[in-house]
Every structure is written in C-alpha cells, then in structure tokens.
Amino acid sequence: MTTPNTPEEIRNELSELEAQIAELQNHADDLRRDLAETSDKSATIEAAEQQEALISQLDVRRRGLMERLENV
C-alpha cells in the first residue's frame, strides 16, 4: 500500500477503508448473531473478535487519513 498524497488519493483510500470497515462489521455482527446456532462457540467468538480487532486497526488508519485530509 502506497501512502496517498493528494486529497483525491486520500479520499479514495478513505472510501475503500470505510467500505472494508462496513463489510467487516457486518460479518462480525453476523458471527455474533449466529452464536446461539453454532456448535463451536469459542471459534465463532474468536472469529468475531478477530474481525473487530481488524476493524479497530482500519479505523485508526481511517482517522489518520481524515486528519491528513483536513491538513491538505
């Protein structure tokens, strides 16, 4: 991943990150919703927690890009 430099590049990466975050959040929500129906609850919880950890990392990146965009 290259560092975006122009406002347009930053906005494009923000858009991609927001789509990834939304997709991951939906997946994590689905995992938690289906928890009652699964036989391997610990694996399902772990998968949801991994999704949520990735969401947190992407959110940090998103906030950094938003800050850069404000300062361009």
C-alpha atoms as a PDB file:
ATOM      1  CA  MET A   1       0.000   0.000   0.000  1.00  0.00           C
ATOM      2  CA  THR A   2       1.455   3.336  -1.014  1.00  0.00           C
ATOM      3  CA  THR A   3       0.857   6.456   1.004  1.00  0.00           C
ATOM      4  CA  PRO A   4      -1.770   8.669  -0.628  1.00  0.00           C
ATOM      5  CA  ASN A   5      -0.514  12.195  -1.215  1.00  0.00           C
ATOM      6  CA  THR A   6      -3.202  14.179  -2.984  1.00  0.00           C
ATOM      7  CA  PRO A   7      -6.607  14.983  -1.486  1.00  0.00           C
ATOM      8  CA  GLU A   8      -8.209  12.809  -4.165  1.00  0.00           C
ATOM      9  CA  GLU A   9      -5.966   9.838  -3.299  1.00  0.00           C
ATOM     10  CA  ILE A  10      -6.725  10.305   0.398  1.00  0.00           C
ATOM     11  CA  ARG A  11     -10.484  10.462  -0.278  1.00  0.00           C
ATOM     12  CA  ASN A  12     -10.268   7.327  -2.443  1.00  0.00           C
ATOM     13  CA  GLU A  13      -8.437   5.413   0.281  1.00  0.00           C
ATOM     14  CA  LEU A  14     -10.918   6.677   2.880  1.00  0.00           C
ATOM     15  CA  SER A  15     -13.766   5.409   0.748  1.00  0.00           C
ATOM     16  CA  GLU A  16     -12.112   1.997   0.392  1.00  0.00           C
ATOM     17  CA  LEU A  17     -11.404   1.807   4.129  1.00  0.00           C
ATOM     18  CA  GLU A  18     -14.973   2.752   5.020  1.00  0.00           C
ATOM     19  CA  ALA A  19     -16.286   0.013   2.711  1.00  0.00           C
ATOM     20  CA  GLN A  20     -13.920  -2.534   4.288  1.00  0.00           C
ATOM     21  CA  ILE A  21     -14.913  -1.455   7.795  1.00  0.00           C
ATOM     22  CA  ALA A  22     -18.622  -1.757   6.956  1.00  0.00           C
ATOM     23  CA  GLU A  23     -18.135  -5.210   5.427  1.00  0.00           C
ATOM     24  CA  LEU A  24     -16.081  -6.454   8.381  1.00  0.00           C
ATOM     25  CA  GLN A  25     -18.566  -5.025  10.877  1.00  0.00           C
ATOM     26  CA  ASN A  26     -21.438  -6.767   9.103  1.00  0.00           C
ATOM     27  CA  HIS A  27     -19.506 -10.040   9.176  1.00  0.00           C
ATOM     28  CA  ALA A  28     -18.655  -9.673  12.880  1.00  0.00           C
ATOM     29  CA  ASP A  29     -22.298  -8.840  13.626  1.00  0.00           C
ATOM     30  CA  ASP A  30     -23.419 -11.934  11.688  1.00  0.00           C
ATOM     31  CA  LEU A  31     -20.999 -14.119  13.640  1.00  0.00           C
ATOM     32  CA  ARG A  32     -22.282 -12.823  16.958  1.00  0.00           C
ATOM     33  CA  ARG A  33     -25.918 -13.139  15.861  1.00  0.00           C
ATOM     34  CA  ASP A  34     -25.356 -16.753  14.803  1.00  0.00           C
ATOM     35  CA  LEU A  35     -23.531 -17.639  18.011  1.00  0.00           C
ATOM     36  CA  ALA A  36     -26.548 -19.394  19.527  1.00  0.00           C
ATOM     37  CA  GLU A  37     -26.866 -21.665  16.497  1.00  0.00           C
ATOM     38  CA  THR A  38     -23.234 -22.753  16.215  1.00  0.00           C
ATOM     39  CA  SER A  39     -21.709 -25.797  17.860  1.00  0.00           C
ATOM     40  CA  ASP A  40     -18.207 -24.276  18.175  1.00  0.00           C
ATOM     41  CA  LYS A  41     -18.971 -21.143  20.146  1.00  0.00           C
ATOM     42  CA  SER A  42     -15.373 -20.407  21.127  1.00  0.00           C
ATOM     43  CA  ALA A  43     -14.201 -20.442  17.492  1.00  0.00           C
ATOM     44  CA  THR A  44     -17.093 -18.195  16.483  1.00  0.00           C
ATOM     45  CA  ILE A  45     -16.342 -15.746  19.291  1.00  0.00           C
ATOM     46  CA  GLU A  46     -12.655 -15.762  18.341  1.00  0.00           C
ATOM     47  CA  ALA A  47     -13.508 -15.086  14.693  1.00  0.00           C
ATOM     48  CA  ALA A  48     -15.756 -12.174  15.673  1.00  0.00           C
ATOM     49  CA  GLU A  49     -13.053 -10.766  17.949  1.00  0.00           C
ATOM     50  CA  GLN A  50     -10.501 -11.021  15.136  1.00  0.00           C
ATOM     51  CA  GLN A  51     -12.861  -9.140  12.833  1.00  0.00           C
ATOM     52  CA  GLU A  52     -13.360  -6.466  15.491  1.00  0.00           C
ATOM     53  CA  ALA A  53      -9.593  -6.129  16.035  1.00  0.00           C
ATOM     54  CA  LEU A  54      -9.103  -5.611  12.311  1.00  0.00           C
ATOM     55  CA  ILE A  55     -11.900  -3.039  12.317  1.00  0.00           C
ATOM     56  CA  SER A  56     -10.073  -1.158  15.083  1.00  0.00           C
ATOM     57  CA  GLN A  57      -6.843  -1.145  13.065  1.00  0.00           C
ATOM     58  CA  LEU A  58      -8.624   0.093   9.958  1.00  0.00           C
ATOM     59  CA  ASP A  59     -10.396   2.756  11.998  1.00  0.00           C
ATOM     60  CA  VAL A  60      -7.046   4.080  13.251  1.00  0.00           C
ATOM     61  CA  ARG A  61      -5.882   4.281   9.632  1.00  0.00           C
ATOM     62  CA  ARG A  62      -9.154   5.999   8.637  1.00  0.00           C
ATOM     63  CA  ARG A  63      -8.795   8.617  11.364  1.00  0.00           C
ATOM     64  CA  GLY A  64      -5.204   9.280  10.298  1.00  0.00           C
ATOM     65  CA  LEU A  65      -6.294   9.802   6.708  1.00  0.00           C
ATOM     66  CA  MET A  66      -9.108  12.115   7.789  1.00  0.00           C
ATOM     67  CA  GLU A  67      -6.615  14.175   9.762  1.00  0.00           C
ATOM     68  CA  ARG A  68      -4.260  14.342   6.777  1.00  0.00           C
ATOM     69  CA  LEU A  69      -7.137  15.392   4.529  1.00  0.00           C
ATOM     70  CA  GLU A  70      -8.032  18.226   6.903  1.00  0.00           C
ATOM     71  CA  ASN A  71      -4.435  19.467   6.774  1.00  0.00           C
ATOM     72  CA  VAL A  72      -4.029  19.363   2.968  1.00  0.00           C
END
